[in-house]
Protein backbone atom coordinates (compact mmCIF):
# COMPACT_ATOMS: atom_id res chain seq x y z
CA MET A 1 13.41 9.83 17.16
CA ARG A 2 15.18 7.34 19.40
CA PRO A 3 17.70 5.15 17.55
CA ALA A 4 15.66 2.02 18.32
CA HIS A 5 12.57 3.60 16.79
CA VAL A 6 14.52 4.76 13.73
CA LEU A 7 15.58 1.14 13.24
CA LEU A 8 11.96 0.04 13.69
CA ALA A 9 10.80 2.48 11.00
CA VAL A 10 13.48 1.25 8.60
CA LEU A 11 12.56 -2.36 9.38
CA VAL A 12 8.88 -1.76 8.60
CA THR A 13 9.66 -0.09 5.27
CA ALA A 14 12.03 -2.97 4.46
CA VAL A 15 9.23 -5.46 5.19
CA TRP A 16 6.88 -3.52 2.92
CA GLY A 17 9.48 -3.20 0.15
CA VAL A 18 10.45 -6.89 0.19
CA ASN A 19 6.74 -7.68 0.11
CA PHE A 20 6.71 -7.06 -3.66
CA VAL A 21 9.24 -9.86 -4.13
CA VAL A 22 7.13 -12.11 -1.91
CA ILE A 23 4.05 -11.27 -3.98
CA ASP A 24 5.96 -12.19 -7.14
CA ILE A 25 6.85 -15.56 -5.58
CA GLY A 26 3.26 -16.07 -4.41
CA LEU A 27 1.96 -15.56 -7.94
CA ASP A 28 3.91 -18.68 -8.93
CA HIS A 29 1.77 -20.64 -6.44
CA PHE A 30 -1.70 -19.05 -6.80
CA PRO A 31 -3.84 -17.35 -9.45
CA PRO A 32 -3.74 -13.60 -8.65
CA LEU A 33 -7.35 -13.12 -7.50
CA LEU A 34 -7.29 -16.27 -5.37
CA PHE A 35 -3.98 -15.09 -3.90
CA GLY A 36 -5.62 -11.80 -2.91
CA ALA A 37 -8.59 -13.58 -1.33
CA LEU A 38 -6.31 -15.85 0.73
CA ARG A 39 -4.17 -12.92 1.83
CA PHE A 40 -7.16 -11.04 3.26
CA LEU A 41 -8.79 -14.14 4.70
CA VAL A 42 -5.71 -14.96 6.77
CA ALA A 43 -5.28 -11.30 7.77
CA ALA A 44 -8.89 -11.10 9.00
CA LEU A 45 -9.12 -14.48 10.76
CA PRO A 46 -8.98 -15.00 13.67
CA ALA A 47 -8.19 -11.32 14.37
CA VAL A 48 -11.76 -10.22 13.57
CA PHE A 49 -12.98 -12.11 16.66
CA LEU A 50 -10.44 -10.37 18.90
CA VAL A 51 -10.65 -6.68 18.00
CA GLY A 52 -14.31 -6.02 18.76
CA ARG A 53 -16.94 -4.46 16.53
CA PRO A 54 -16.01 -1.82 13.93
CA LYS A 55 -15.75 1.64 15.46
CA VAL A 56 -16.94 3.42 12.29
CA ALA A 57 -20.04 3.10 10.12
CA TRP A 58 -20.27 -0.04 7.98
CA LYS A 59 -20.37 2.04 4.77
CA TRP A 60 -16.75 3.10 5.37
CA VAL A 61 -15.61 -0.46 6.12
CA LEU A 62 -17.28 -1.70 2.93
CA GLY A 63 -16.08 1.22 0.80
CA VAL A 64 -12.45 0.93 1.84
CA GLY A 65 -12.57 -2.86 1.68
CA LEU A 66 -13.80 -2.79 -1.92
CA ALA A 67 -11.51 0.03 -3.09
CA LEU A 68 -8.39 -1.17 -1.32
CA GLY A 69 -8.83 -4.93 -1.13
CA VAL A 70 -10.71 -5.77 -4.32
CA ALA A 71 -9.71 -3.01 -6.74
CA LYS A 72 -6.23 -1.95 -5.60
CA PHE A 73 -4.80 -5.34 -4.69
CA GLY A 74 -6.72 -7.18 -7.38
CA LEU A 75 -5.29 -4.91 -10.08
CA LEU A 76 -1.81 -4.98 -8.54
CA PHE A 77 -1.70 -8.78 -8.39
CA ILE A 78 -3.06 -9.14 -11.94
CA GLY A 79 -0.60 -6.55 -13.23
CA MET A 80 2.34 -8.34 -11.64
CA HIS A 81 1.02 -11.69 -12.85
CA GLU A 82 0.89 -10.28 -16.40
CA GLY A 83 4.53 -9.26 -16.30
CA MET A 84 4.98 -6.05 -14.28
CA PRO A 85 8.34 -6.43 -12.46
CA ALA A 86 8.22 -6.49 -8.66
CA GLY A 87 10.77 -3.71 -8.21
CA LEU A 88 9.09 -1.40 -10.69
CA SER A 89 5.71 -2.13 -9.09
CA SER A 90 7.03 -1.00 -5.69
CA LEU A 91 8.11 2.26 -7.30
CA VAL A 92 5.14 3.01 -9.55
CA LEU A 93 2.60 2.31 -6.82
CA GLN A 94 3.91 5.32 -4.89
CA VAL A 95 2.15 7.59 -7.39
CA GLN A 96 -0.90 6.90 -5.20
CA ALA A 97 0.21 9.97 -3.23
CA VAL A 98 -0.53 12.13 -6.28
CA PHE A 99 -3.95 10.56 -6.84
CA THR A 100 -4.74 10.93 -3.13
CA ALA A 101 -3.97 14.65 -3.31
CA LEU A 102 -6.11 15.06 -6.43
CA PHE A 103 -9.10 13.21 -4.96
CA ALA A 104 -8.74 15.04 -1.64
CA ALA A 105 -8.89 18.36 -3.50
CA VAL A 106 -12.11 17.35 -5.25
CA VAL A 107 -13.88 15.50 -2.43
CA LEU A 108 -12.47 17.07 0.73
CA GLY A 109 -11.76 20.57 -0.57
CA GLU A 110 -8.04 20.33 0.25
CA ARG A 111 -6.46 22.79 -2.12
CA PRO A 112 -2.89 21.88 -3.07
CA GLY A 113 -0.25 24.57 -2.56
CA ARG A 114 2.42 25.48 -5.08
CA MET A 115 5.02 23.10 -3.65
CA ARG A 116 2.60 20.18 -3.71
CA LEU A 117 1.69 20.92 -7.33
CA VAL A 118 5.37 20.97 -8.25
CA GLY A 119 5.89 17.66 -6.44
CA MET A 120 2.92 16.10 -8.21
CA GLY A 121 4.28 17.25 -11.56
CA VAL A 122 7.72 15.81 -10.85
CA ALA A 123 6.21 12.50 -9.69
CA LEU A 124 4.05 12.24 -12.80
CA ALA A 125 7.11 12.93 -14.94
CA GLY A 126 8.74 9.97 -13.21
CA ILE A 127 5.76 7.80 -14.09
CA GLY A 128 6.08 8.94 -17.71
CA VAL A 129 9.75 7.94 -17.79
CA ALA A 130 8.92 4.59 -16.19
CA ALA A 131 6.20 4.02 -18.80
CA VAL A 132 8.66 4.67 -21.62
CA ASP A 133 11.13 2.24 -20.04
CA GLU A 134 8.50 -0.45 -19.50
CA GLY A 135 7.05 0.08 -22.96
CA THR A 136 10.39 -0.80 -24.53
CA SER A 137 11.12 -3.78 -22.28
CA GLY A 138 7.82 -5.26 -21.09
CA PRO A 139 4.02 -5.32 -21.49
CA LEU A 140 2.59 -1.82 -21.20
CA LEU A 141 -0.83 -3.23 -20.17
CA SER A 142 0.60 -4.61 -16.93
CA PHE A 143 2.10 -1.18 -16.23
CA ALA A 144 -1.32 0.42 -16.75
CA LEU A 145 -2.92 -2.08 -14.34
CA VAL A 146 -0.51 -1.06 -11.56
CA ILE A 147 -1.24 2.62 -12.27
CA ALA A 148 -4.95 1.78 -11.94
CA ALA A 149 -4.17 0.06 -8.64
CA ALA A 150 -2.55 3.30 -7.44
CA VAL A 151 -5.70 5.20 -8.45
CA PHE A 152 -7.88 2.98 -6.29
CA TRP A 153 -5.39 3.23 -3.43
CA GLY A 154 -5.92 7.00 -3.62
CA VAL A 155 -9.69 6.43 -3.50
CA SER A 156 -9.35 4.23 -0.41
CA ASN A 157 -7.14 6.85 1.27
CA VAL A 158 -9.78 9.54 0.86
CA LEU A 159 -12.52 7.19 2.11
CA THR A 160 -10.41 6.38 5.15
CA ARG A 161 -9.94 10.05 5.88
CA LYS A 162 -13.70 10.51 5.70
CA ALA A 163 -14.19 7.54 8.02
CA ALA A 164 -11.58 8.80 10.54
CA PRO A 165 -11.41 5.46 12.42
CA PRO A 166 -10.38 5.96 16.08
CA ASP A 167 -8.71 2.52 16.12
CA PRO A 168 -6.78 1.94 12.86
CA VAL A 169 -5.92 -1.69 13.69
CA ASN A 170 -9.56 -2.55 14.36
CA PHE A 171 -10.47 -0.80 11.10
CA MET A 172 -7.81 -2.63 9.08
CA VAL A 173 -8.90 -6.04 10.38
CA TRP A 174 -12.54 -5.45 9.43
CA VAL A 175 -11.53 -3.95 6.07
CA SER A 176 -9.54 -7.13 5.40
CA LEU A 177 -12.68 -9.22 5.81
CA VAL A 178 -14.60 -7.37 3.07
CA PRO A 179 -12.59 -8.41 -0.05
CA VAL A 180 -12.54 -12.15 0.69
CA LEU A 181 -15.85 -13.18 -0.91
CA PRO A 182 -15.71 -10.70 -3.85
CA LEU A 183 -12.18 -11.82 -4.75
CA LEU A 184 -13.14 -15.48 -4.44
CA GLY A 185 -16.16 -14.91 -6.69
CA LEU A 186 -14.09 -13.04 -9.28
CA SER A 187 -11.47 -15.78 -9.16
CA LEU A 188 -14.06 -18.47 -9.84
CA VAL A 189 -15.48 -16.48 -12.79
CA PHE A 190 -12.25 -15.31 -14.44
CA GLU A 191 -9.63 -17.81 -13.26
CA GLY A 192 -11.80 -20.91 -12.99
CA ALA A 193 -12.53 -23.40 -10.25
CA ASP A 194 -10.04 -25.99 -11.53
CA PRO A 195 -6.94 -23.74 -11.30
CA ASP A 196 -8.07 -22.54 -7.86
CA LEU A 197 -8.57 -26.07 -6.55
CA GLU A 198 -5.27 -27.21 -8.04
CA ALA A 199 -3.45 -24.33 -6.32
CA LEU A 200 -5.04 -25.23 -2.98
CA ARG A 201 -4.36 -28.97 -3.40
CA SER A 202 -0.71 -28.34 -4.23
CA LEU A 203 -0.18 -25.88 -1.36
CA ASP A 204 3.32 -26.38 0.07
CA TRP A 205 5.40 -24.74 2.78
CA ALA A 206 6.62 -22.03 0.41
CA GLY A 207 3.07 -21.10 -0.59
CA ALA A 208 1.89 -21.11 3.02
CA GLY A 209 4.86 -18.98 4.03
CA VAL A 210 4.02 -16.40 1.38
CA ILE A 211 0.44 -16.12 2.67
CA VAL A 212 1.62 -15.75 6.28
CA TYR A 213 4.12 -13.06 5.29
CA VAL A 214 1.72 -10.89 3.28
CA ALA A 215 -1.15 -11.34 5.77
CA TRP A 216 0.48 -11.24 9.20
CA ILE A 217 3.97 -9.76 8.80
CA VAL A 218 3.12 -7.08 6.26
CA THR A 219 -0.48 -6.25 7.18
CA LEU A 220 -0.85 -6.83 10.91
CA LEU A 221 2.66 -6.60 12.42
CA GLY A 222 3.92 -3.99 9.95
CA PHE A 223 0.87 -1.82 10.32
CA GLY A 224 0.86 -2.20 14.12
CA ALA A 225 4.49 -1.07 14.37
CA TRP A 226 3.86 1.86 12.04
CA ASN A 227 0.82 2.94 14.06
CA PHE A 228 2.96 2.82 17.23
CA LEU A 229 5.48 5.18 15.62
CA LEU A 230 2.72 7.57 14.51
CA ARG A 231 1.31 7.59 18.04
CA THR A 232 4.75 8.35 19.49
CA TYR A 233 6.13 10.95 17.07
CA ASP A 234 4.88 13.68 14.75
CA ALA A 235 3.80 12.42 11.35
CA SER A 236 6.41 14.73 9.80
CA ALA A 237 9.13 12.72 11.53
CA VAL A 238 7.76 9.30 10.54
CA ALA A 239 6.33 9.82 7.04
CA PRO A 240 9.64 10.37 5.14
CA PHE A 241 10.65 6.78 5.94
CA THR A 242 8.01 5.59 3.45
CA LEU A 243 10.29 6.77 0.64
CA LEU A 244 12.48 3.78 1.51
CA VAL A 245 9.78 1.32 0.34
CA PRO A 246 10.71 1.45 -3.38
CA VAL A 247 14.40 1.46 -2.45
CA PHE A 248 13.98 -1.87 -0.65
CA GLY A 249 11.55 -3.09 -3.30
CA MET A 250 13.83 -2.45 -6.26
CA SER A 251 17.01 -3.62 -4.52
CA SER A 252 15.44 -6.85 -3.20
CA ALA A 253 13.95 -7.57 -6.63
CA ALA A 254 17.39 -7.13 -8.18
CA LEU A 255 19.03 -9.40 -5.59
CA VAL A 256 16.38 -12.13 -5.31
CA LEU A 257 14.70 -12.12 -8.72
CA GLY A 258 17.59 -10.84 -10.81
CA GLU A 259 15.61 -7.85 -12.12
CA GLY A 260 17.80 -5.36 -13.94
CA ILE A 261 17.58 -1.62 -13.27
CA SER A 262 18.06 0.36 -16.48
CA PRO A 263 19.26 3.99 -16.55
CA LEU A 264 15.73 5.07 -17.46
CA ARG A 265 14.40 3.22 -14.42
CA TRP A 266 16.92 4.95 -12.17
CA LEU A 267 15.79 8.30 -13.60
CA ALA A 268 12.14 7.36 -13.04
CA ALA A 269 12.93 6.38 -9.45
CA ALA A 270 14.69 9.68 -8.78
CA LEU A 271 11.82 11.72 -10.24
CA LEU A 272 9.05 9.75 -8.52
CA VAL A 273 10.67 9.61 -5.09
CA GLY A 274 11.69 13.25 -5.34
CA GLY A 275 8.19 14.28 -6.39
CA VAL A 276 6.55 12.37 -3.55
CA ALA A 277 9.06 13.95 -1.14
CA LEU A 278 8.16 17.44 -2.36
CA THR A 279 4.48 16.60 -2.01
CA SER A 280 4.96 15.35 1.55
CA VAL A 281 6.92 18.36 2.84
CA SER A 282 4.12 20.66 1.66
CA LEU A 283 1.44 18.83 3.61
CA ARG A 284 -0.10 20.46 6.65
CA ARG A 285 -2.33 18.09 8.57
CA PRO A 286 -1.42 14.73 10.09
CA ARG A 287 -2.69 11.52 8.54
CA ARG A 288 -2.27 7.86 9.33
CA ALA A 289 -2.10 4.67 7.30
CA ALA A 290 -4.65 1.92 6.89
CA ALA A 291 -3.25 -0.59 4.34
CA ALA A 292 -0.32 -2.75 4.26
CA ASP A 293 1.76 -3.28 1.14
CA GLY A 294 3.20 0.15 0.45
CA PRO A 295 2.58 3.31 2.59
CA ALA A 296 2.98 6.87 1.42
CA PRO A 297 3.99 10.17 3.05
CA ARG A 298 1.45 12.01 5.18
CA GLU A 299 0.54 15.54 5.97
CA ALA A 300 2.44 17.03 8.88
CA ALA A 301 0.50 19.01 11.48
CA PRO A 302 1.80 22.39 12.66
CA GLU A 303 0.24 22.07 16.08
CA ALA A 304 1.68 19.94 18.90
CA ARG A 305 0.60 16.29 19.04
CA PRO A 306 -1.23 15.36 22.27
CA PRO A 307 0.46 12.87 24.59
CA VAL A 308 -0.14 9.17 24.01
CA GLY A 309 -3.18 7.99 25.90
CA THR A 310 -5.25 11.17 25.54
CA THR A 311 -8.61 11.15 23.84
CA ALA A 312 -7.73 13.72 21.18
CA SER A 313 -9.26 12.85 17.82
CA ARG A 314 -7.16 11.54 14.96
CA THR A 315 -7.76 11.35 11.20
CA PRO A 316 -6.06 8.25 9.86
CA SER A 317 -5.55 7.54 6.19
CA THR A 318 -4.01 4.82 4.15
CA ALA A 319 -2.01 7.30 2.18
CA SER A 320 0.21 8.50 5.00
CA ARG A 321 2.15 6.30 7.20
CA PRO A 322 0.39 4.32 3.08
CA SER A 323 1.24 3.34 3.52
CA PRO A 324 0.07 -0.53 3.02
CA ARG A 325 0.18 -1.00 2.10
CA GLY A 326 -0.28 -4.07 -0.13
């Protein structure tokens, strides 16, 4: 890769990693479900009027929008609101790569090889260590909610692979429109109209800045830059950069929020990142990302990638950049 493009890849993963700190700040301004609804509303509008109609069937747009936008981000925001640290969230969410591989084996018939199975086992061991650490220092329920968010991210990745959108940006914009009303409805039911209205009435520059960052910088600009890299280089050259997301997430949380990193957490990070790395090097087919808060490594294709501008088909996925995030 050209040095400028290496810097671009690092910048995108830094934006995605710091996003967990921004989410933590945003949760001080908005109830979690309302925060999610506003994030997707701003990401979808006015872009939905500029990208044209969806280029895949509506069932895929709706399926990914519900799995990724409502379930994954709803659970992530609630988990962080209930006490899951931002840095640990950026790390634990990467286990979505394991769930993606499991669901792909069941739904798509993609049988994992020995190296991938080893990587999945190592990553799950890292999650176990992180759970022990969080169980002794914080609410275990919030940890479980972020794990559940990773499960639904895996579901959305498999749905995106089935959809195979020819234009990932168009797909992401339309997917962003789907969660808005469901998240607003859930917020009204579980968080109440009064807290929602109070959050909107007291909106300040900090709150507005958080929404702009998670909607435009993370989702649209971050995803657009990542898609450019995947169009220019083999997925095997780009995907390993996603392992930097928890590095930036944990370090920025320590610097900005003062989150401590215990020895157990360092061990969990080493196991999880190492396991995801082993899983990624065993992949065989290229994938692309469709979500914005935390990408994950993709499958690398053995055959040569066609030049940019050709009409060769592509099979994008939120799990390989996915991450996308979130």
